[in-house]
PDB file of N, CA and C in Angstrom:
ATOM      1  N   UNK A   1     -34.298 -65.760  -0.996  1.00  0.00           N
ATOM      2  CA  UNK A   1     -34.172 -64.372  -0.578  1.00  0.00           C
ATOM      3  C   UNK A   1     -32.708 -63.976  -0.468  1.00  0.00           C
ATOM      4  N   UNK A   2     -32.423 -62.733  -0.817  1.00  0.00           N
ATOM      5  CA  UNK A   2     -31.079 -62.207  -0.673  1.00  0.00           C
ATOM      6  C   UNK A   2     -30.821 -61.986   0.810  1.00  0.00           C
ATOM      7  N   UNK A   3     -29.654 -62.375   1.276  1.00  0.00           N
ATOM      8  CA  UNK A   3     -29.303 -62.180   2.671  1.00  0.00           C
ATOM      9  C   UNK A   3     -29.772 -63.306   3.570  1.00  0.00           C
ATOM     10  N   UNK A   4     -30.416 -64.329   3.021  1.00  0.00           N
ATOM     11  CA  UNK A   4     -30.871 -65.458   3.816  1.00  0.00           C
ATOM     12  C   UNK A   4     -29.661 -66.276   4.233  1.00  0.00           C
ATOM     13  N   UNK A   5     -29.622 -66.713   5.485  1.00  0.00           N
ATOM     14  CA  UNK A   5     -28.507 -67.517   5.964  1.00  0.00           C
ATOM     15  C   UNK A   5     -28.858 -68.998   5.900  1.00  0.00           C
ATOM     16  N   UNK A   6     -27.848 -69.794   5.653  1.00  0.00           N
ATOM     17  CA  UNK A   6     -28.016 -71.241   5.550  1.00  0.00           C
ATOM     18  C   UNK A   6     -26.914 -71.894   6.367  1.00  0.00           C
ATOM     19  N   UNK A   7     -27.259 -72.906   7.128  1.00  0.00           N
ATOM     20  CA  UNK A   7     -26.248 -73.640   7.868  1.00  0.00           C
ATOM     21  C   UNK A   7     -25.312 -74.329   6.882  1.00  0.00           C
ATOM     22  N   UNK A   8     -24.036 -74.352   7.215  1.00  0.00           N
ATOM     23  CA  UNK A   8     -23.049 -74.962   6.331  1.00  0.00           C
ATOM     24  C   UNK A   8     -23.372 -76.434   6.084  1.00  0.00           C
ATOM     25  N   UNK A   9     -23.795 -77.142   7.135  1.00  0.00           N
ATOM     26  CA  UNK A   9     -24.110 -78.563   6.978  1.00  0.00           C
ATOM     27  C   UNK A   9     -25.264 -78.761   5.995  1.00  0.00           C
ATOM     28  N   UNK A  10     -26.268 -77.902   6.066  1.00  0.00           N
ATOM     29  CA  UNK A  10     -27.394 -77.987   5.129  1.00  0.00           C
ATOM     30  C   UNK A  10     -26.928 -77.659   3.702  1.00  0.00           C
ATOM     31  N   UNK A  11     -26.091 -76.658   3.591  1.00  0.00           N
ATOM     32  CA  UNK A  11     -25.549 -76.261   2.295  1.00  0.00           C
ATOM     33  C   UNK A  11     -24.784 -77.430   1.664  1.00  0.00           C
ATOM     34  N   UNK A  12     -23.906 -78.047   2.446  1.00  0.00           N
ATOM     35  CA  UNK A  12     -23.112 -79.165   1.926  1.00  0.00           C
ATOM     36  C   UNK A  12     -24.007 -80.351   1.575  1.00  0.00           C
ATOM     37  N   UNK A  13     -25.026 -80.604   2.360  1.00  0.00           N
ATOM     38  CA  UNK A  13     -25.963 -81.686   2.066  1.00  0.00           C
ATOM     39  C   UNK A  13     -26.632 -81.470   0.714  1.00  0.00           C
ATOM     40  N   UNK A  14     -27.057 -80.238   0.463  1.00  0.00           N
ATOM     41  CA  UNK A  14     -27.691 -79.904  -0.818  1.00  0.00           C
ATOM     42  C   UNK A  14     -26.698 -80.061  -1.975  1.00  0.00           C
ATOM     43  N   UNK A  15     -25.491 -79.622  -1.783  1.00  0.00           N
ATOM     44  CA  UNK A  15     -24.459 -79.743  -2.818  1.00  0.00           C
ATOM     45  C   UNK A  15     -24.196 -81.212  -3.135  1.00  0.00           C
ATOM     46  N   UNK A  16     -24.083 -82.013  -2.085  1.00  0.00           N
ATOM     47  CA  UNK A  16     -23.805 -83.431  -2.295  1.00  0.00           C
ATOM     48  C   UNK A  16     -24.966 -84.128  -3.009  1.00  0.00           C
ATOM     49  N   UNK A  17     -26.194 -83.696  -2.740  1.00  0.00           N
ATOM     50  CA  UNK A  17     -27.345 -84.282  -3.431  1.00  0.00           C
ATOM     51  C   UNK A  17     -27.338 -83.904  -4.906  1.00  0.00           C
ATOM     52  N   UNK A  18     -26.867 -82.725  -5.241  1.00  0.00           N
ATOM     53  CA  UNK A  18     -26.829 -82.298  -6.626  1.00  0.00           C
ATOM     54  C   UNK A  18     -25.849 -83.107  -7.463  1.00  0.00           C
ATOM     55  N   UNK A  19     -24.786 -83.578  -6.854  1.00  0.00           N
ATOM     56  CA  UNK A  19     -23.760 -84.283  -7.614  1.00  0.00           C
ATOM     57  C   UNK A  19     -24.181 -85.688  -8.006  1.00  0.00           C
ATOM     58  N   UNK A  20     -25.198 -86.210  -7.347  1.00  0.00           N
ATOM     59  CA  UNK A  20     -25.657 -87.554  -7.694  1.00  0.00           C
ATOM     60  C   UNK A  20     -24.584 -88.584  -7.472  1.00  0.00           C
ATOM     61  N   UNK A  21     -24.303 -89.370  -8.485  1.00  0.00           N
ATOM     62  CA  UNK A  21     -23.305 -90.426  -8.342  1.00  0.00           C
ATOM     63  C   UNK A  21     -21.896 -89.920  -8.628  1.00  0.00           C
ATOM     64  N   UNK A  22     -21.769 -88.696  -9.090  1.00  0.00           N
ATOM     65  CA  UNK A  22     -20.438 -88.137  -9.349  1.00  0.00           C
ATOM     66  C   UNK A  22     -19.743 -87.853  -8.024  1.00  0.00           C
ATOM     67  N   UNK A  23     -18.517 -88.277  -7.916  1.00  0.00           N
ATOM     68  CA  UNK A  23     -17.761 -88.010  -6.693  1.00  0.00           C
ATOM     69  C   UNK A  23     -16.992 -86.696  -6.864  1.00  0.00           C
ATOM     70  N   UNK A  24     -16.787 -86.039  -5.749  1.00  0.00           N
ATOM     71  CA  UNK A  24     -16.026 -84.791  -5.778  1.00  0.00           C
ATOM     72  C   UNK A  24     -14.562 -85.111  -6.064  1.00  0.00           C
ATOM     73  N   UNK A  25     -13.960 -84.303  -6.913  1.00  0.00           N
ATOM     74  CA  UNK A  25     -12.549 -84.508  -7.252  1.00  0.00           C
ATOM     75  C   UNK A  25     -11.702 -83.557  -6.421  1.00  0.00           C
ATOM     76  N   UNK A  26     -10.408 -83.796  -6.434  1.00  0.00           N
ATOM     77  CA  UNK A  26      -9.474 -82.901  -5.752  1.00  0.00           C
ATOM     78  C   UNK A  26      -9.613 -81.495  -6.339  1.00  0.00           C
ATOM     79  N   UNK A  27      -9.801 -81.433  -7.633  1.00  0.00           N
ATOM     80  CA  UNK A  27      -9.969 -80.135  -8.304  1.00  0.00           C
ATOM     81  C   UNK A  27     -11.206 -79.405  -7.757  1.00  0.00           C
ATOM     82  N   UNK A  28     -12.308 -80.139  -7.547  1.00  0.00           N
ATOM     83  CA  UNK A  28     -13.525 -79.544  -6.989  1.00  0.00           C
ATOM     84  C   UNK A  28     -13.268 -78.981  -5.591  1.00  0.00           C
ATOM     85  N   UNK A  29     -12.558 -79.759  -4.782  1.00  0.00           N
ATOM     86  CA  UNK A  29     -12.262 -79.328  -3.411  1.00  0.00           C
ATOM     87  C   UNK A  29     -11.347 -78.102  -3.401  1.00  0.00           C
ATOM     88  N   UNK A  30     -10.378 -78.084  -4.277  1.00  0.00           N
ATOM     89  CA  UNK A  30      -9.472 -76.938  -4.362  1.00  0.00           C
ATOM     90  C   UNK A  30     -10.247 -75.697  -4.822  1.00  0.00           C
ATOM     91  N   UNK A  31     -11.119 -75.889  -5.790  1.00  0.00           N
ATOM     92  CA  UNK A  31     -11.937 -74.782  -6.272  1.00  0.00           C
ATOM     93  C   UNK A  31     -12.822 -74.233  -5.148  1.00  0.00           C
ATOM     94  N   UNK A  32     -13.434 -75.139  -4.379  1.00  0.00           N
ATOM     95  CA  UNK A  32     -14.282 -74.722  -3.261  1.00  0.00           C
ATOM     96  C   UNK A  32     -13.453 -73.995  -2.208  1.00  0.00           C
ATOM     97  N   UNK A  33     -12.256 -74.521  -1.912  1.00  0.00           N
ATOM     98  CA  UNK A  33     -11.390 -73.872  -0.920  1.00  0.00           C
ATOM     99  C   UNK A  33     -11.011 -72.469  -1.365  1.00  0.00           C
ATOM    100  N   UNK A  34     -10.660 -72.312  -2.641  1.00  0.00           N
ATOM    101  CA  UNK A  34     -10.296 -70.984  -3.160  1.00  0.00           C
ATOM    102  C   UNK A  34     -11.475 -70.023  -3.067  1.00  0.00           C
ATOM    103  N   UNK A  35     -12.669 -70.513  -3.378  1.00  0.00           N
ATOM    104  CA  UNK A  35     -13.861 -69.671  -3.292  1.00  0.00           C
ATOM    105  C   UNK A  35     -14.098 -69.216  -1.848  1.00  0.00           C
ATOM    106  N   UNK A  36     -14.018 -70.158  -0.906  1.00  0.00           N
ATOM    107  CA  UNK A  36     -14.235 -69.823   0.511  1.00  0.00           C
ATOM    108  C   UNK A  36     -13.171 -68.842   0.983  1.00  0.00           C
ATOM    109  N   UNK A  37     -11.920 -69.051   0.592  1.00  0.00           N
ATOM    110  CA  UNK A  37     -10.839 -68.130   0.981  1.00  0.00           C
ATOM    111  C   UNK A  37     -11.086 -66.733   0.420  1.00  0.00           C
ATOM    112  N   UNK A  38     -11.540 -66.667  -0.832  1.00  0.00           N
ATOM    113  CA  UNK A  38     -11.816 -65.368  -1.454  1.00  0.00           C
ATOM    114  C   UNK A  38     -12.941 -64.642  -0.707  1.00  0.00           C
ATOM    115  N   UNK A  39     -14.005 -65.362  -0.398  1.00  0.00           N
ATOM    116  CA  UNK A  39     -15.129 -64.757   0.327  1.00  0.00           C
ATOM    117  C   UNK A  39     -14.691 -64.320   1.727  1.00  0.00           C
ATOM    118  N   UNK A  40     -13.877 -65.144   2.377  1.00  0.00           N
ATOM    119  CA  UNK A  40     -13.372 -64.807   3.710  1.00  0.00           C
ATOM    120  C   UNK A  40     -12.524 -63.540   3.655  1.00  0.00           C
ATOM    121  N   UNK A  41     -11.695 -63.412   2.625  1.00  0.00           N
ATOM    122  CA  UNK A  41     -10.853 -62.225   2.461  1.00  0.00           C
ATOM    123  C   UNK A  41     -11.723 -60.976   2.277  1.00  0.00           C
ATOM    124  N   UNK A  42     -12.781 -61.101   1.474  1.00  0.00           N
ATOM    125  CA  UNK A  42     -13.678 -59.965   1.255  1.00  0.00           C
ATOM    126  C   UNK A  42     -14.402 -59.564   2.537  1.00  0.00           C
ATOM    127  N   UNK A  43     -14.835 -60.556   3.307  1.00  0.00           N
ATOM    128  CA  UNK A  43     -15.513 -60.270   4.571  1.00  0.00           C
ATOM    129  C   UNK A  43     -14.555 -59.573   5.530  1.00  0.00           C
ATOM    130  N   UNK A  44     -13.328 -60.058   5.608  1.00  0.00           N
ATOM    131  CA  UNK A  44     -12.334 -59.414   6.492  1.00  0.00           C
ATOM    132  C   UNK A  44     -12.060 -57.973   6.053  1.00  0.00           C
ATOM    133  N   UNK A  45     -11.971 -57.763   4.748  1.00  0.00           N
ATOM    134  CA  UNK A  45     -11.753 -56.407   4.230  1.00  0.00           C
ATOM    135  C   UNK A  45     -12.916 -55.496   4.643  1.00  0.00           C
ATOM    136  N   UNK A  46     -14.135 -55.994   4.472  1.00  0.00           N
ATOM    137  CA  UNK A  46     -15.312 -55.204   4.853  1.00  0.00           C
ATOM    138  C   UNK A  46     -15.334 -54.926   6.355  1.00  0.00           C
ATOM    139  N   UNK A  47     -14.986 -55.924   7.161  1.00  0.00           N
ATOM    140  CA  UNK A  47     -14.956 -55.736   8.612  1.00  0.00           C
ATOM    141  C   UNK A  47     -13.891 -54.725   9.019  1.00  0.00           C
ATOM    142  N   UNK A  48     -12.735 -54.767   8.357  1.00  0.00           N
ATOM    143  CA  UNK A  48     -11.689 -53.780   8.652  1.00  0.00           C
ATOM    144  C   UNK A  48     -12.156 -52.379   8.303  1.00  0.00           C
ATOM    145  N   UNK A  49     -12.894 -52.255   7.203  1.00  0.00           N
ATOM    146  CA  UNK A  49     -13.434 -50.952   6.797  1.00  0.00           C
ATOM    147  C   UNK A  49     -14.442 -50.443   7.833  1.00  0.00           C
ATOM    148  N   UNK A  50     -15.316 -51.337   8.287  1.00  0.00           N
ATOM    149  CA  UNK A  50     -16.295 -50.970   9.312  1.00  0.00           C
ATOM    150  C   UNK A  50     -15.565 -50.564  10.591  1.00  0.00           C
ATOM    151  N   UNK A  51     -14.558 -51.331  10.973  1.00  0.00           N
ATOM    152  CA  UNK A  51     -13.791 -51.020  12.177  1.00  0.00           C
ATOM    153  C   UNK A  51     -13.130 -49.647  12.064  1.00  0.00           C
ATOM    154  N   UNK A  52     -12.591 -49.340  10.891  1.00  0.00           N
ATOM    155  CA  UNK A  52     -11.955 -48.032  10.686  1.00  0.00           C
ATOM    156  C   UNK A  52     -12.974 -46.906  10.864  1.00  0.00           C
ATOM    157  N   UNK A  53     -14.174 -47.093  10.323  1.00  0.00           N
ATOM    158  CA  UNK A  53     -15.212 -46.070  10.456  1.00  0.00           C
ATOM    159  C   UNK A  53     -15.675 -45.934  11.909  1.00  0.00           C
ATOM    160  N   UNK A  54     -15.780 -47.046  12.613  1.00  0.00           N
ATOM    161  CA  UNK A  54     -16.179 -46.996  14.026  1.00  0.00           C
ATOM    162  C   UNK A  54     -15.143 -46.223  14.834  1.00  0.00           C
ATOM    163  N   UNK A  55     -13.874 -46.459  14.561  1.00  0.00           N
ATOM    164  CA  UNK A  55     -12.817 -45.740  15.275  1.00  0.00           C
ATOM    165  C   UNK A  55     -12.866 -44.239  14.968  1.00  0.00           C
ATOM    166  N   UNK A  56     -13.151 -43.886  13.712  1.00  0.00           N
ATOM    167  CA  UNK A  56     -13.280 -42.474  13.348  1.00  0.00           C
ATOM    168  C   UNK A  56     -14.457 -41.838  14.072  1.00  0.00           C
ATOM    169  N   UNK A  57     -15.577 -42.548  14.119  1.00  0.00           N
ATOM    170  CA  UNK A  57     -16.753 -42.024  14.819  1.00  0.00           C
ATOM    171  C   UNK A  57     -16.482 -41.876  16.314  1.00  0.00           C
ATOM    172  N   UNK A  58     -15.752 -42.824  16.885  1.00  0.00           N
ATOM    173  CA  UNK A  58     -15.407 -42.739  18.307  1.00  0.00           C
ATOM    174  C   UNK A  58     -14.581 -41.486  18.578  1.00  0.00           C
ATOM    175  N   UNK A  59     -13.655 -41.151  17.668  1.00  0.00           N
ATOM    176  CA  UNK A  59     -12.859 -39.939  17.834  1.00  0.00           C
ATOM    177  C   UNK A  59     -13.732 -38.685  17.751  1.00  0.00           C
ATOM    178  N   UNK A  60     -14.688 -38.684  16.828  1.00  0.00           N
ATOM    179  CA  UNK A  60     -15.588 -37.537  16.697  1.00  0.00           C
ATOM    180  C   UNK A  60     -16.408 -37.374  17.965  1.00  0.00           C
ATOM    181  N   UNK A  61     -16.946 -38.481  18.479  1.00  0.00           N
ATOM    182  CA  UNK A  61     -17.739 -38.428  19.714  1.00  0.00           C
ATOM    183  C   UNK A  61     -16.873 -37.936  20.861  1.00  0.00           C
ATOM    184  N   UNK A  62     -15.647 -38.411  20.922  1.00  0.00           N
ATOM    185  CA  UNK A  62     -14.712 -37.989  21.977  1.00  0.00           C
ATOM    186  C   UNK A  62     -14.473 -36.478  21.899  1.00  0.00           C
ATOM    187  N   UNK A  63     -14.292 -35.961  20.683  1.00  0.00           N
ATOM    188  CA  UNK A  63     -14.082 -34.522  20.510  1.00  0.00           C
ATOM    189  C   UNK A  63     -15.327 -33.724  20.908  1.00  0.00           C
ATOM    190  N   UNK A  64     -16.498 -34.244  20.556  1.00  0.00           N
ATOM    191  CA  UNK A  64     -17.746 -33.546  20.880  1.00  0.00           C
ATOM    192  C   UNK A  64     -17.950 -33.496  22.381  1.00  0.00           C
ATOM    193  N   UNK A  65     -17.612 -34.580  23.072  1.00  0.00           N
ATOM    194  CA  UNK A  65     -17.820 -34.650  24.526  1.00  0.00           C
ATOM    195  C   UNK A  65     -16.730 -33.933  25.312  1.00  0.00           C
ATOM    196  N   UNK A  66     -15.669 -33.530  24.652  1.00  0.00           N
ATOM    197  CA  UNK A  66     -14.545 -32.913  25.340  1.00  0.00           C
ATOM    198  C   UNK A  66     -14.960 -31.574  25.948  1.00  0.00           C
ATOM    199  N   UNK A  67     -14.673 -31.353  27.250  1.00  0.00           N
ATOM    200  CA  UNK A  67     -15.017 -30.065  27.873  1.00  0.00           C
ATOM    201  C   UNK A  67     -14.209 -28.912  27.287  1.00  0.00           C
ATOM    202  N   UNK A  68     -13.070 -29.192  26.682  1.00  0.00           N
ATOM    203  CA  UNK A  68     -12.248 -28.135  26.097  1.00  0.00           C
ATOM    204  C   UNK A  68     -12.980 -27.461  24.945  1.00  0.00           C
ATOM    205  N   UNK A  69     -13.800 -28.167  24.228  1.00  0.00           N
ATOM    206  CA  UNK A  69     -14.529 -27.575  23.111  1.00  0.00           C
ATOM    207  C   UNK A  69     -15.495 -26.510  23.626  1.00  0.00           C
ATOM    208  N   UNK A  70     -16.188 -26.816  24.705  1.00  0.00           N
ATOM    209  CA  UNK A  70     -17.101 -25.839  25.284  1.00  0.00           C
ATOM    210  C   UNK A  70     -16.369 -24.571  25.691  1.00  0.00           C
ATOM    211  N   UNK A  71     -15.188 -24.709  26.261  1.00  0.00           N
ATOM    212  CA  UNK A  71     -14.389 -23.560  26.660  1.00  0.00           C
ATOM    213  C   UNK A  71     -13.991 -22.750  25.437  1.00  0.00           C
ATOM    214  N   UNK A  72     -13.572 -23.424  24.384  1.00  0.00           N
ATOM    215  CA  UNK A  72     -13.174 -22.727  23.163  1.00  0.00           C
ATOM    216  C   UNK A  72     -14.373 -21.995  22.575  1.00  0.00           C
ATOM    217  N   UNK A  73     -15.526 -22.624  22.559  1.00  0.00           N
ATOM    218  CA  UNK A  73     -16.715 -21.987  22.010  1.00  0.00           C
ATOM    219  C   UNK A  73     -17.072 -20.726  22.792  1.00  0.00           C
ATOM    220  N   UNK A  74     -16.991 -20.801  24.101  1.00  0.00           N
ATOM    221  CA  UNK A  74     -17.339 -19.631  24.903  1.00  0.00           C
ATOM    222  C   UNK A  74     -16.352 -18.494  24.684  1.00  0.00           C
ATOM    223  N   UNK A  75     -15.084 -18.812  24.501  1.00  0.00           N
ATOM    224  CA  UNK A  75     -14.096 -17.747  24.337  1.00  0.00           C
ATOM    225  C   UNK A  75     -14.075 -17.197  22.917  1.00  0.00           C
ATOM    226  N   UNK A  76     -14.651 -17.915  21.957  1.00  0.00           N
ATOM    227  CA  UNK A  76     -14.633 -17.425  20.593  1.00  0.00           C
ATOM    228  C   UNK A  76     -15.856 -16.578  20.262  1.00  0.00           C
ATOM    229  N   UNK A  77     -16.817 -16.503  21.151  1.00  0.00           N
ATOM    230  CA  UNK A  77     -17.986 -15.656  20.920  1.00  0.00           C
ATOM    231  C   UNK A  77     -17.548 -14.208  21.121  1.00  0.00           C
ATOM    232  N   UNK A  78     -17.941 -13.351  20.210  1.00  0.00           N
ATOM    233  CA  UNK A  78     -17.568 -11.935  20.297  1.00  0.00           C
ATOM    234  C   UNK A  78     -18.092 -11.350  21.606  1.00  0.00           C
ATOM    235  N   UNK A  79     -17.338 -10.431  22.220  1.00  0.00           N
ATOM    236  CA  UNK A  79     -17.731  -9.855  23.509  1.00  0.00           C
ATOM    237  C   UNK A  79     -19.126  -9.217  23.469  1.00  0.00           C
ATOM    238  N   UNK A  80     -19.511  -8.618  22.338  1.00  0.00           N
ATOM    239  CA  UNK A  80     -20.808  -7.971  22.288  1.00  0.00           C
ATOM    240  C   UNK A  80     -21.957  -8.959  22.071  1.00  0.00           C
ATOM    241  N   UNK A  81     -21.626 -10.202  21.680  1.00  0.00           N
ATOM    242  CA  UNK A  81     -22.676 -11.194  21.461  1.00  0.00           C
ATOM    243  C   UNK A  81     -23.146 -11.746  22.796  1.00  0.00           C
ATOM    244  N   UNK A  82     -24.423 -12.002  22.889  1.00  0.00           N
ATOM    245  CA  UNK A  82     -24.982 -12.563  24.112  1.00  0.00           C
ATOM    246  C   UNK A  82     -24.828 -14.081  24.051  1.00  0.00           C
ATOM    247  N   UNK A  83     -24.201 -14.672  25.076  1.00  0.00           N
ATOM    248  CA  UNK A  83     -24.059 -16.121  25.141  1.00  0.00           C
ATOM    249  C   UNK A  83     -25.371 -16.675  25.663  1.00  0.00           C
ATOM    250  N   UNK A  84     -26.014 -17.556  24.903  1.00  0.00           N
ATOM    251  CA  UNK A  84     -27.287 -18.115  25.343  1.00  0.00           C
ATOM    252  C   UNK A  84     -27.162 -18.831  26.678  1.00  0.00           C
ATOM    253  N   UNK A  85     -28.265 -18.907  27.403  1.00  0.00           N
ATOM    254  CA  UNK A  85     -28.264 -19.497  28.738  1.00  0.00           C
ATOM    255  C   UNK A  85     -28.091 -21.014  28.724  1.00  0.00           C
ATOM    256  N   UNK A  86     -28.284 -21.647  27.591  1.00  0.00           N
ATOM    257  CA  UNK A  86     -28.190 -23.105  27.557  1.00  0.00           C
ATOM    258  C   UNK A  86     -26.757 -23.596  27.361  1.00  0.00           C
ATOM    259  N   UNK A  87     -25.760 -22.800  27.595  1.00  0.00           N
ATOM    260  CA  UNK A  87     -24.370 -23.225  27.645  1.00  0.00           C
ATOM    261  C   UNK A  87     -23.685 -23.282  26.294  1.00  0.00           C
ATOM    262  N   UNK A  88     -22.639 -24.092  26.214  1.00  0.00           N
ATOM    263  CA  UNK A  88     -21.808 -24.143  25.012  1.00  0.00           C
ATOM    264  C   UNK A  88     -22.570 -24.511  23.745  1.00  0.00           C
ATOM    265  N   UNK A  89     -23.596 -25.356  23.857  1.00  0.00           N
ATOM    266  CA  UNK A  89     -24.345 -25.710  22.664  1.00  0.00           C
ATOM    267  C   UNK A  89     -25.016 -24.459  22.087  1.00  0.00           C
ATOM    268  N   UNK A  90     -25.548 -23.624  22.937  1.00  0.00           N
ATOM    269  CA  UNK A  90     -26.147 -22.378  22.493  1.00  0.00           C
ATOM    270  C   UNK A  90     -25.110 -21.441  21.903  1.00  0.00           C
ATOM    271  N   UNK A  91     -23.912 -21.445  22.491  1.00  0.00           N
ATOM    272  CA  UNK A  91     -22.837 -20.616  21.957  1.00  0.00           C
ATOM    273  C   UNK A  91     -22.453 -21.095  20.561  1.00  0.00           C
ATOM    274  N   UNK A  92     -22.459 -22.392  20.378  1.00  0.00           N
ATOM    275  CA  UNK A  92     -22.143 -22.943  19.063  1.00  0.00           C
ATOM    276  C   UNK A  92     -23.197 -22.491  18.059  1.00  0.00           C
ATOM    277  N   UNK A  93     -24.442 -22.508  18.460  1.00  0.00           N
ATOM    278  CA  UNK A  93     -25.514 -22.069  17.577  1.00  0.00           C
ATOM    279  C   UNK A  93     -25.336 -20.585  17.245  1.00  0.00           C
ATOM    280  N   UNK A  94     -24.926 -19.798  18.254  1.00  0.00           N
ATOM    281  CA  UNK A  94     -24.714 -18.369  18.027  1.00  0.00           C
ATOM    282  C   UNK A  94     -23.575 -18.151  17.032  1.00  0.00           C
ATOM    283  N   UNK A  95     -22.550 -18.991  17.121  1.00  0.00           N
ATOM    284  CA  UNK A  95     -21.421 -18.859  16.202  1.00  0.00           C
ATOM    285  C   UNK A  95     -21.816 -19.267  14.794  1.00  0.00           C
ATOM    286  N   UNK A  96     -22.684 -20.237  14.673  1.00  0.00           N
ATOM    287  CA  UNK A  96     -23.079 -20.726  13.367  1.00  0.00           C
ATOM    288  C   UNK A  96     -23.991 -19.746  12.648  1.00  0.00           C
ATOM    289  N   UNK A  97     -24.709 -18.931  13.412  1.00  0.00           N
ATOM    290  CA  UNK A  97     -25.622 -17.959  12.797  1.00  0.00           C
ATOM    291  C   UNK A  97     -24.845 -16.768  12.287  1.00  0.00           C
ATOM    292  N   UNK A  98     -25.200 -16.256  11.117  1.00  0.00           N
ATOM    293  CA  UNK A  98     -24.510 -15.069  10.620  1.00  0.00           C
ATOM    294  C   UNK A  98     -24.820 -13.867  11.499  1.00  0.00           C
ATOM    295  N   UNK A  99     -23.813 -13.067  11.804  1.00  0.00           N
ATOM    296  CA  UNK A  99     -24.044 -11.909  12.651  1.00  0.00           C
ATOM    297  C   UNK A  99     -24.619 -10.766  11.803  1.00  0.00           C
ATOM    298  N   UNK A 100     -25.543  -9.973  12.401  1.00  0.00           N
ATOM    299  CA  UNK A 100     -26.119  -8.864  11.631  1.00  0.00           C
ATOM    300  C   UNK A 100     -25.061  -7.821  11.323  1.00  0.00           C
ATOM    301  N   UNK A 101     -25.086  -7.287  10.108  1.00  0.00           N
ATOM    302  CA  UNK A 101     -24.081  -6.302   9.695  1.00  0.00           C
ATOM    303  C   UNK A 101     -24.577  -4.896   9.918  1.00  0.00           C
TER     304      UNK A 101
END
């Protein structure tokens, strides 16, 4: 299955069984090390990307929760428009709706 996890010790045991009587060479070990380093680099890159997105989302949530936004929304509603009773969220909805001409 794709995405199935395997313990490293089990993985190495299987690899060693495949080689039979052939012994691992320095070249084999270097090749394995390079492969592991490459995969580790890719995982770190992906984690950094995820971290960057999490930080961006945290900023968006912070802006949404900011009381200053509610104040701005209330002051940007036209004086003749009725501000809904459910507070700034309703004012935002009123702003998003096209006003009748």
